[in-house]
Amino acid sequence: MSYLDNLLFAILLAIGFGYFYMNIKKIIRNINLGAAVNRKDNAKLRWENMAMIALGQSKMVKRPVAGVLHIIVYVGFIIINIELLEIIIDGLLGTHRVFAFLGTAYDVLIGSFEILALLVLVAVFTFWIRRNIIKLKRFSSSDLDGSPKKDANYILYFEVVLMTLFLLMNASDLHLQNVPGGFSHFVKAGSFPVSQFIAPLFNGISNEIVMILTEIFWWLHITGILIFMNYLYFSKHLHILLAFPNTYFANLNPQGQFDNLESVTKEVKMIMDPNADPFAAAPVNESEAVAKFGASDVQDLNWVQLLNAYTCTECGRCTSSCPANLTGKKLSPRKIMMDTRDRLEEVGRNIDANKGIFVPDNKTLLNDYITPEELWACTSCNACVEECPVSISPLSIIIDMRRYLVMEKSAAPMPINAMMTNIENNGAPWQYNQQDRLNWKNE
């Protein structure tokens, strides 16, 4: 490479990583719009969860076909991109296969990269067939209509292009390595178990043209990686990065154990304490914002719930296991997470447009994105939480929004309102006077 090539490569890297850094800052800013919640307890268990679930893919293999294919793509994509380090060094210094001095170890690395690239191509084609030809039910739901469906396919096309460019780059490189007497700076290095079968395509083409093609494949490969890296921000594939913190900060409480609102807990303790003086409470600060019961918008959710929204893979395992959805109800836990992310992105754009300040836009997550009908269809069974491969909890968002409807708007469905009235009047959910509660024994 000439010094001009090195300079252009440095500029390309700076633009790619700079834009990526800007978008990551936006994501962190948006997540921090959520309320504080302590998830720093039991660090040992949290590290174990992250290692098992995010790194070890333990929940993915509950569905073996999709699980094994995903592991191939995951491992292949991560390991193959180790080569990115060599590409960056070569691009900046003008070298070629700078790690070739590793000898046999380098041969093993390049050979394993190629085998993984082939396996990734097979897995990606299988995923494409499952989505677009077989049309599995969880991939053809109405909540994936439009951009989500296109996004899933774009990612598959990206991976096909990147793996193909990687193999073509190696095949043309191998062709030049085998030129009698050597060609330019193309030293013999690497093992090519897959691209050796592609290399014959370049037979009969002049070495100068093959060298140009090699450089084209090289530039397209690194440019494609940088484009894909920045596309993550706009796609469901963001879980590549966020699955790790999401599993680390996941709720460690037993499933089914809900958190209590601190303000309500204090009131109940005061009611139950015969020695408490209700007039001894601290004076109310008039300027302080009144705490909201539950959540009506993304700012009312906690930051872990917002992290969940960004981490959602849109795989649909939650919805395909939801008993409410399976019986025809409107609820889709996947849609709950997608709507939360869409609203959070809308709030983020509002802040960007108004110089760091959110200007009320007369919209909320509740009603504008998620309807009460969806929320009240939930049976609170935790199936969605159990099925999620990256420990997302749609149920926690549903419960917080229900709390808002009940405690702020008194907008619970009639049977629930009747139950609460009975508890208040009769001390039980049933509409019987306390004196009549044992009448059944006389029947």
Protein backbone atom coordinates (compact mmCIF):
# COMPACT_ATOMS: atom_id res chain seq x y z
CA MET A 1 0.00 0.00 0.00
CA SER A 2 1.06 3.60 -0.53
CA TYR A 3 1.01 6.15 2.26
CA LEU A 4 -2.17 7.55 0.70
CA ASP A 5 -3.82 4.15 1.18
CA ASN A 6 -2.72 4.09 4.82
CA LEU A 7 -4.13 7.59 5.34
CA LEU A 8 -7.45 6.72 3.70
CA PHE A 9 -7.66 3.59 5.81
CA ALA A 10 -6.99 5.58 9.00
CA ILE A 11 -9.74 8.05 8.03
CA LEU A 12 -12.15 5.18 7.31
CA LEU A 13 -11.42 3.65 10.73
CA ALA A 14 -11.83 7.00 12.49
CA ILE A 15 -15.21 7.61 10.82
CA GLY A 16 -16.44 4.07 11.50
CA PHE A 17 -15.43 3.87 15.14
CA GLY A 18 -16.30 7.55 15.76
CA TYR A 19 -19.87 7.15 14.53
CA PHE A 20 -20.17 3.91 16.51
CA TYR A 21 -18.99 5.71 19.67
CA MET A 22 -21.54 8.51 19.15
CA ASN A 23 -24.38 6.01 18.85
CA ILE A 24 -23.26 4.02 21.89
CA LYS A 25 -23.29 7.27 23.88
CA LYS A 26 -26.90 7.85 22.79
CA ILE A 27 -27.89 4.36 23.90
CA ILE A 28 -26.28 4.84 27.32
CA ARG A 29 -27.98 8.25 27.63
CA ASN A 30 -31.37 6.77 26.77
CA ILE A 31 -30.98 3.85 29.17
CA ASN A 32 -30.05 6.26 31.95
CA LEU A 33 -33.40 8.04 31.48
CA GLY A 34 -34.85 5.18 33.52
CA ALA A 35 -35.30 5.22 37.27
CA ALA A 36 -32.52 3.98 39.52
CA VAL A 37 -32.55 0.35 40.64
CA ASN A 38 -29.84 -1.53 42.52
CA ARG A 39 -28.51 -4.52 40.57
CA LYS A 40 -25.04 -4.75 42.12
CA ASP A 41 -25.81 -7.43 44.68
CA ASN A 42 -24.45 -11.00 44.50
CA ALA A 43 -21.73 -10.27 41.95
CA LYS A 44 -20.57 -13.91 41.88
CA LEU A 45 -23.97 -15.21 40.75
CA ARG A 46 -24.30 -12.39 38.24
CA TRP A 47 -20.96 -13.26 36.63
CA GLU A 48 -22.01 -16.92 36.51
CA ASN A 49 -25.30 -16.00 34.82
CA MET A 50 -23.52 -13.88 32.23
CA ALA A 51 -20.99 -16.66 31.51
CA MET A 52 -23.68 -19.34 31.19
CA ILE A 53 -26.42 -17.41 29.37
CA ALA A 54 -24.68 -14.71 27.28
CA LEU A 55 -21.36 -16.44 26.61
CA GLY A 56 -22.39 -20.08 26.95
CA GLN A 57 -25.75 -19.70 25.14
CA SER A 58 -27.33 -22.10 27.67
CA LYS A 59 -30.92 -20.92 27.08
CA MET A 60 -30.57 -20.92 23.29
CA VAL A 61 -30.20 -24.69 23.06
CA LYS A 62 -33.59 -25.30 24.69
CA ARG A 63 -34.71 -25.25 21.05
CA PRO A 64 -31.90 -27.38 19.58
CA VAL A 65 -32.11 -26.54 15.87
CA ALA A 66 -32.18 -22.77 16.28
CA GLY A 67 -29.80 -23.02 19.25
CA VAL A 68 -27.05 -24.92 17.44
CA LEU A 69 -27.33 -22.73 14.33
CA HIS A 70 -27.17 -19.59 16.46
CA ILE A 71 -24.08 -20.85 18.29
CA ILE A 72 -22.37 -21.46 14.94
CA VAL A 73 -23.13 -17.93 13.75
CA TYR A 74 -22.25 -16.42 17.13
CA VAL A 75 -18.94 -18.26 17.56
CA GLY A 76 -18.03 -17.91 13.90
CA PHE A 77 -18.73 -14.21 13.74
CA ILE A 78 -16.83 -13.43 16.95
CA ILE A 79 -13.80 -15.61 16.20
CA ILE A 80 -13.50 -14.66 12.53
CA ASN A 81 -13.44 -11.01 13.55
CA ILE A 82 -10.25 -11.68 15.51
CA GLU A 83 -8.74 -11.32 12.06
CA LEU A 84 -9.93 -7.73 12.18
CA LEU A 85 -6.88 -6.96 14.35
CA GLU A 86 -4.54 -8.12 11.57
CA ILE A 87 -6.53 -6.19 8.95
CA ILE A 88 -6.28 -2.98 10.99
CA ILE A 89 -2.53 -3.36 11.49
CA ASP A 90 -1.99 -4.18 7.81
CA GLY A 91 -4.12 -1.22 6.78
CA LEU A 92 -2.35 1.27 9.00
CA LEU A 93 1.22 0.05 8.40
CA GLY A 94 0.92 -1.10 4.81
CA THR A 95 1.99 -4.64 5.70
CA HIS A 96 0.49 -7.90 4.44
CA ARG A 97 -0.53 -10.72 6.81
CA VAL A 98 1.53 -9.22 9.60
CA PHE A 99 0.94 -12.22 11.88
CA ALA A 100 2.33 -14.69 9.35
CA PHE A 101 5.44 -15.05 11.54
CA LEU A 102 3.33 -17.19 13.91
CA GLY A 103 3.86 -20.06 11.48
CA THR A 104 1.81 -23.16 12.28
CA ALA A 105 -0.36 -21.27 14.78
CA TYR A 106 -1.24 -18.79 12.03
CA ASP A 107 -2.12 -21.65 9.66
CA VAL A 108 -4.44 -23.14 12.27
CA LEU A 109 -6.10 -19.78 12.90
CA ILE A 110 -6.76 -18.99 9.24
CA GLY A 111 -7.93 -22.56 8.60
CA SER A 112 -10.37 -22.47 11.51
CA PHE A 113 -11.62 -19.05 10.38
CA GLU A 114 -12.43 -20.47 6.95
CA ILE A 115 -14.23 -23.53 8.28
CA LEU A 116 -16.28 -21.32 10.59
CA ALA A 117 -17.05 -18.95 7.71
CA LEU A 118 -18.45 -21.87 5.70
CA LEU A 119 -20.52 -23.06 8.69
CA VAL A 120 -21.83 -19.52 9.19
CA LEU A 121 -22.95 -19.41 5.54
CA VAL A 122 -24.78 -22.73 5.96
CA ALA A 123 -26.44 -21.53 9.20
CA VAL A 124 -27.43 -18.17 7.70
CA PHE A 125 -29.02 -19.80 4.64
CA THR A 126 -30.93 -22.12 6.98
CA PHE A 127 -32.14 -19.13 9.02
CA TRP A 128 -33.23 -17.40 5.81
CA ILE A 129 -35.20 -20.47 4.71
CA ARG A 130 -36.88 -20.75 8.13
CA ARG A 131 -37.95 -17.11 7.95
CA ASN A 132 -38.88 -16.68 4.32
CA ILE A 133 -39.80 -20.08 2.89
CA ILE A 134 -40.93 -22.29 5.78
CA LYS A 135 -42.24 -19.14 7.51
CA LEU A 136 -42.24 -20.36 11.09
CA LYS A 137 -45.20 -18.93 12.98
CA ARG A 138 -43.13 -16.85 15.40
CA PHE A 139 -41.41 -15.15 12.45
CA SER A 140 -44.62 -14.34 10.56
CA SER A 141 -46.50 -12.56 13.34
CA SER A 142 -48.05 -9.16 12.62
CA ASP A 143 -45.76 -7.43 15.14
CA LEU A 144 -42.85 -8.12 12.75
CA ASP A 145 -44.55 -6.54 9.72
CA GLY A 146 -42.54 -3.84 7.97
CA SER A 147 -39.08 -2.82 9.14
CA PRO A 148 -38.55 -5.58 11.77
CA LYS A 149 -38.95 -8.30 9.12
CA LYS A 150 -36.70 -6.43 6.70
CA ASP A 151 -34.12 -5.84 9.45
CA ALA A 152 -33.87 -9.57 10.18
CA ASN A 153 -33.21 -10.30 6.50
CA TYR A 154 -30.76 -7.41 6.13
CA ILE A 155 -28.65 -8.92 8.91
CA LEU A 156 -28.61 -12.29 7.17
CA TYR A 157 -27.59 -10.65 3.87
CA PHE A 158 -24.86 -8.70 5.68
CA GLU A 159 -23.41 -11.89 7.13
CA VAL A 160 -23.49 -13.67 3.76
CA VAL A 161 -21.67 -10.78 2.08
CA LEU A 162 -19.03 -10.49 4.84
CA MET A 163 -18.28 -14.22 4.90
CA THR A 164 -18.19 -14.40 1.09
CA LEU A 165 -15.80 -11.45 0.88
CA PHE A 166 -13.59 -13.08 3.51
CA LEU A 167 -13.34 -16.30 1.49
CA LEU A 168 -12.84 -14.48 -1.83
CA MET A 169 -10.12 -12.36 -0.25
CA ASN A 170 -8.33 -15.49 0.93
CA ALA A 171 -8.85 -17.33 -2.36
CA SER A 172 -7.34 -14.53 -4.46
CA ASP A 173 -4.53 -14.17 -1.92
CA LEU A 174 -3.82 -17.92 -2.15
CA HIS A 175 -3.74 -17.67 -5.95
CA LEU A 176 -1.04 -14.99 -5.76
CA GLN A 177 0.88 -16.90 -3.10
CA ASN A 178 1.19 -19.80 -5.52
CA VAL A 179 2.58 -17.74 -8.41
CA PRO A 180 5.92 -19.34 -9.39
CA GLY A 181 8.81 -17.30 -8.02
CA GLY A 182 6.49 -15.31 -5.74
CA PHE A 183 4.41 -12.25 -6.60
CA SER A 184 4.98 -8.83 -5.04
CA HIS A 185 4.66 -9.01 -1.22
CA PHE A 186 2.34 -12.05 -1.19
CA VAL A 187 4.33 -14.38 1.05
CA LYS A 188 3.13 -17.93 1.63
CA ALA A 189 1.20 -17.94 4.90
CA GLY A 190 -2.01 -19.47 6.18
CA SER A 191 -4.03 -22.61 5.60
CA PHE A 192 -7.04 -22.38 3.28
CA PRO A 193 -9.27 -25.49 3.55
CA VAL A 194 -12.28 -23.72 1.99
CA SER A 195 -10.92 -20.97 -0.27
CA GLN A 196 -8.54 -23.43 -1.98
CA PHE A 197 -11.62 -24.64 -3.86
CA ILE A 198 -12.47 -21.06 -4.87
CA ALA A 199 -8.94 -20.09 -5.96
CA PRO A 200 -9.19 -21.85 -9.37
CA LEU A 201 -11.73 -19.18 -10.37
CA PHE A 202 -8.77 -16.82 -10.80
CA ASN A 203 -6.85 -19.12 -13.15
CA GLY A 204 -6.31 -17.50 -16.52
CA ILE A 205 -6.61 -13.98 -15.08
CA SER A 206 -3.49 -11.84 -15.06
CA ASN A 207 -1.73 -11.56 -11.72
CA GLU A 208 -2.06 -7.77 -11.75
CA ILE A 209 -5.85 -8.00 -12.07
CA VAL A 210 -6.04 -10.65 -9.35
CA MET A 211 -4.01 -8.37 -7.09
CA ILE A 212 -6.47 -5.53 -7.74
CA LEU A 213 -9.35 -7.90 -6.97
CA THR A 214 -7.64 -8.97 -3.74
CA GLU A 215 -7.38 -5.35 -2.64
CA ILE A 216 -11.01 -4.72 -3.62
CA PHE A 217 -12.15 -7.74 -1.56
CA TRP A 218 -9.97 -6.55 1.32
CA TRP A 219 -11.37 -3.00 1.28
CA LEU A 220 -14.96 -4.19 0.86
CA HIS A 221 -14.54 -6.66 3.74
CA ILE A 222 -13.26 -4.10 6.26
CA THR A 223 -15.73 -1.45 5.03
CA GLY A 224 -18.55 -3.98 5.37
CA ILE A 225 -17.51 -4.79 8.93
CA LEU A 226 -17.52 -1.09 9.86
CA ILE A 227 -20.91 -0.55 8.18
CA PHE A 228 -22.35 -3.59 9.96
CA MET A 229 -20.91 -2.41 13.29
CA ASN A 230 -22.72 0.90 12.90
CA TYR A 231 -25.90 -0.75 11.66
CA LEU A 232 -26.15 -2.50 15.03
CA TYR A 233 -27.52 0.70 16.56
CA PHE A 234 -30.51 0.61 14.21
CA SER A 235 -31.18 -3.12 14.40
CA LYS A 236 -32.17 -5.95 16.70
CA HIS A 237 -28.62 -7.24 16.37
CA LEU A 238 -27.60 -4.82 19.11
CA HIS A 239 -27.97 -7.83 21.42
CA ILE A 240 -24.49 -8.92 20.26
CA LEU A 241 -23.16 -6.26 22.61
CA LEU A 242 -25.93 -5.82 25.18
CA ALA A 243 -26.63 -9.49 25.98
CA PHE A 244 -23.65 -9.46 28.35
CA PRO A 245 -24.68 -6.52 30.59
CA ASN A 246 -28.33 -7.54 30.28
CA THR A 247 -27.73 -11.02 31.70
CA TYR A 248 -25.41 -9.60 34.37
CA PHE A 249 -27.99 -7.09 35.63
CA ALA A 250 -30.96 -9.47 35.34
CA ASN A 251 -33.33 -9.87 38.28
CA LEU A 252 -32.06 -12.57 40.66
CA ASN A 253 -35.27 -12.81 42.70
CA PRO A 254 -37.36 -15.98 42.33
CA GLN A 255 -39.72 -15.75 39.37
CA GLY A 256 -43.11 -14.58 40.53
CA GLN A 257 -41.69 -12.39 43.31
CA PHE A 258 -42.68 -8.81 42.56
CA ASP A 259 -41.04 -5.75 44.00
CA ASN A 260 -43.00 -3.44 46.29
CA LEU A 261 -43.36 0.28 45.82
CA GLU A 262 -41.35 1.92 48.57
CA SER A 263 -43.86 4.74 49.11
CA VAL A 264 -46.72 2.26 49.52
CA THR A 265 -44.64 0.07 51.85
CA LYS A 266 -43.97 3.04 54.12
CA GLU A 267 -47.67 3.90 54.27
CA VAL A 268 -48.66 0.32 55.12
CA LYS A 269 -46.01 0.10 57.84
CA MET A 270 -47.31 3.32 59.35
CA ILE A 271 -50.90 2.02 59.27
CA MET A 272 -49.86 -1.25 60.90
CA ASP A 273 -47.73 0.39 63.60
CA PRO A 274 -49.94 1.31 66.60
CA ASN A 275 -47.24 3.64 67.92
CA ALA A 276 -46.77 5.56 64.66
CA ASP A 277 -47.70 9.22 64.63
CA PRO A 278 -49.06 10.10 61.16
CA PHE A 279 -48.51 13.80 61.89
CA ALA A 280 -44.80 13.23 62.58
CA ALA A 281 -44.02 12.62 58.92
CA ALA A 282 -41.49 14.84 57.21
CA PRO A 283 -42.96 18.00 55.65
CA VAL A 284 -43.85 17.79 51.97
CA ASN A 285 -41.52 19.61 49.56
CA GLU A 286 -43.85 21.55 47.27
CA SER A 287 -41.22 21.94 44.52
CA GLU A 288 -40.35 18.23 44.40
CA ALA A 289 -42.03 16.17 41.68
CA VAL A 290 -44.64 13.79 43.04
CA ALA A 291 -43.61 10.17 42.65
CA LYS A 292 -45.74 8.27 40.16
CA PHE A 293 -47.24 4.90 41.02
CA GLY A 294 -46.30 2.52 38.24
CA ALA A 295 -45.30 3.58 34.73
CA SER A 296 -47.04 5.31 31.86
CA ASP A 297 -43.96 6.22 29.82
CA VAL A 298 -40.40 5.02 29.38
CA GLN A 299 -38.99 7.55 31.87
CA ASP A 300 -41.08 5.86 34.60
CA LEU A 301 -39.47 2.46 33.97
CA ASN A 302 -36.14 1.57 35.57
CA TRP A 303 -32.90 1.56 33.61
CA VAL A 304 -32.68 -2.26 33.53
CA GLN A 305 -36.07 -2.43 31.82
CA LEU A 306 -34.84 0.06 29.21
CA LEU A 307 -31.66 -2.02 28.78
CA ASN A 308 -33.98 -5.01 28.24
CA ALA A 309 -35.74 -3.14 25.45
CA TYR A 310 -32.49 -2.45 23.59
CA THR A 311 -31.33 -6.05 24.11
CA CYS A 312 -34.44 -7.71 22.66
CA THR A 313 -33.51 -10.02 19.78
CA GLU A 314 -37.09 -10.13 18.44
CA CYS A 315 -36.75 -13.93 18.26
CA GLY A 316 -40.36 -14.41 19.40
CA ARG A 317 -39.70 -17.22 21.87
CA CYS A 318 -41.54 -15.21 24.51
CA THR A 319 -44.63 -14.69 22.34
CA SER A 320 -44.67 -18.29 21.09
CA SER A 321 -44.81 -19.46 24.74
CA CYS A 322 -47.30 -16.86 25.99
CA PRO A 323 -50.62 -18.57 26.93
CA ALA A 324 -52.53 -15.34 26.36
CA ASN A 325 -51.14 -15.01 22.83
CA LEU A 326 -51.70 -18.71 22.10
CA THR A 327 -55.39 -18.32 22.94
CA GLY A 328 -55.84 -15.41 20.56
CA LYS A 329 -55.43 -12.49 22.96
CA LYS A 330 -53.85 -9.29 21.69
CA LEU A 331 -50.82 -9.55 24.00
CA SER A 332 -47.39 -10.23 22.48
CA PRO A 333 -44.47 -9.94 24.95
CA ARG A 334 -42.14 -9.37 21.99
CA LYS A 335 -44.27 -6.39 20.91
CA ILE A 336 -44.11 -5.01 24.47
CA MET A 337 -40.31 -4.89 24.22
CA MET A 338 -40.28 -3.56 20.65
CA ASP A 339 -42.78 -0.81 21.54
CA THR A 340 -40.73 0.16 24.59
CA ARG A 341 -37.59 0.46 22.45
CA ASP A 342 -39.44 2.43 19.74
CA ARG A 343 -40.82 4.88 22.30
CA LEU A 344 -37.41 5.21 23.98
CA GLU A 345 -35.83 5.99 20.61
CA GLU A 346 -38.56 8.60 19.98
CA VAL A 347 -37.83 10.22 23.34
CA GLY A 348 -34.10 10.18 22.52
CA ARG A 349 -34.69 11.95 19.20
CA ASN A 350 -36.84 14.51 21.03
CA ILE A 351 -33.95 15.20 23.42
CA ASP A 352 -31.47 15.47 20.53
CA ALA A 353 -33.72 17.91 18.69
CA ASN A 354 -34.16 20.10 21.77
CA LYS A 355 -30.52 20.41 22.86
CA GLY A 356 -30.56 17.82 25.61
CA ILE A 357 -34.00 18.59 27.08
CA PHE A 358 -37.12 16.49 26.66
CA VAL A 359 -40.05 18.57 25.47
CA PRO A 360 -43.46 16.94 26.19
CA ASP A 361 -44.85 15.58 22.94
CA ASN A 362 -48.32 14.54 24.17
CA LYS A 363 -47.40 10.88 23.68
CA THR A 364 -46.83 8.07 26.16
CA LEU A 365 -45.82 4.44 26.00
CA LEU A 366 -49.20 3.57 27.46
CA ASN A 367 -52.07 4.03 24.98
CA ASP A 368 -49.94 5.42 22.11
CA TYR A 369 -47.84 2.27 21.85
CA ILE A 370 -49.21 -0.33 24.28
CA THR A 371 -52.93 -0.63 24.95
CA PRO A 372 -54.59 -1.58 28.27
CA GLU A 373 -56.12 -4.56 26.46
CA GLU A 374 -52.65 -6.00 25.91
CA LEU A 375 -51.63 -5.40 29.52
CA TRP A 376 -54.70 -7.01 31.09
CA ALA A 377 -54.43 -10.07 28.82
CA CYS A 378 -51.24 -11.07 30.67
CA THR A 379 -51.63 -13.98 33.11
CA SER A 380 -48.37 -13.13 34.97
CA CYS A 381 -47.18 -16.70 34.40
CA ASN A 382 -43.54 -15.74 33.65
CA ALA A 383 -43.38 -17.95 30.53
CA CYS A 384 -41.92 -15.05 28.54
CA VAL A 385 -39.19 -14.48 31.14
CA GLU A 386 -38.36 -18.17 31.30
CA GLU A 387 -38.10 -18.50 27.52
CA CYS A 388 -36.02 -15.40 26.76
CA PRO A 389 -32.49 -16.44 25.74
CA VAL A 390 -30.97 -13.23 27.17
CA SER A 391 -33.00 -12.87 30.43
CA ILE A 392 -35.36 -10.08 29.35
CA SER A 393 -38.47 -9.51 31.47
CA PRO A 394 -41.48 -8.16 29.53
CA LEU A 395 -43.59 -9.03 32.59
CA SER A 396 -41.91 -6.38 34.76
CA ILE A 397 -42.94 -3.67 32.28
CA ILE A 398 -46.48 -5.05 32.08
CA ILE A 399 -46.83 -5.07 35.88
CA ASP A 400 -45.53 -1.50 36.24
CA MET A 401 -47.97 -0.24 33.62
CA ARG A 402 -50.83 -2.10 35.29
CA ARG A 403 -49.88 -0.44 38.57
CA TYR A 404 -50.22 2.93 36.90
CA LEU A 405 -53.66 2.05 35.53
CA VAL A 406 -54.89 0.82 38.93
CA MET A 407 -53.23 3.24 41.35
CA GLU A 408 -53.16 6.41 39.27
CA LYS A 409 -56.14 6.06 36.96
CA SER A 410 -58.43 3.60 38.80
CA ALA A 411 -58.74 1.96 35.41
CA ALA A 412 -58.71 -1.73 36.28
CA PRO A 413 -61.15 -4.09 34.51
CA MET A 414 -64.53 -4.50 36.22
CA PRO A 415 -63.83 -7.97 37.73
CA ILE A 416 -60.62 -6.67 39.35
CA ASN A 417 -62.37 -3.58 40.70
CA ALA A 418 -65.10 -5.81 42.11
CA MET A 419 -62.49 -8.04 43.77
CA MET A 420 -60.73 -5.07 45.37
CA THR A 421 -64.05 -3.67 46.59
CA ASN A 422 -64.88 -7.03 48.16
CA ILE A 423 -61.49 -7.18 49.87
CA GLU A 424 -62.06 -3.68 51.24
CA ASN A 425 -65.60 -4.40 52.46
CA ASN A 426 -65.53 -8.10 53.30
CA GLY A 427 -61.86 -8.89 53.89
CA ALA A 428 -61.93 -11.46 51.07
CA PRO A 429 -62.23 -11.47 47.26
CA TRP A 430 -65.74 -12.98 47.41
CA GLN A 431 -68.98 -11.06 47.75
CA TYR A 432 -70.04 -12.61 51.03
CA ASN A 433 -70.43 -10.99 54.40
CA GLN A 434 -67.86 -12.17 56.92
CA GLN A 435 -70.64 -13.61 59.12
CA ASP A 436 -71.82 -15.78 56.23
CA ARG A 437 -68.40 -17.15 55.33
CA LEU A 438 -68.90 -20.53 57.06
CA ASN A 439 -72.47 -21.14 55.90
CA TRP A 440 -71.22 -23.75 53.46
CA LYS A 441 -70.64 -26.20 56.34
CA ASN A 442 -74.39 -26.44 56.91
CA GLU A 443 -75.10 -27.56 53.35
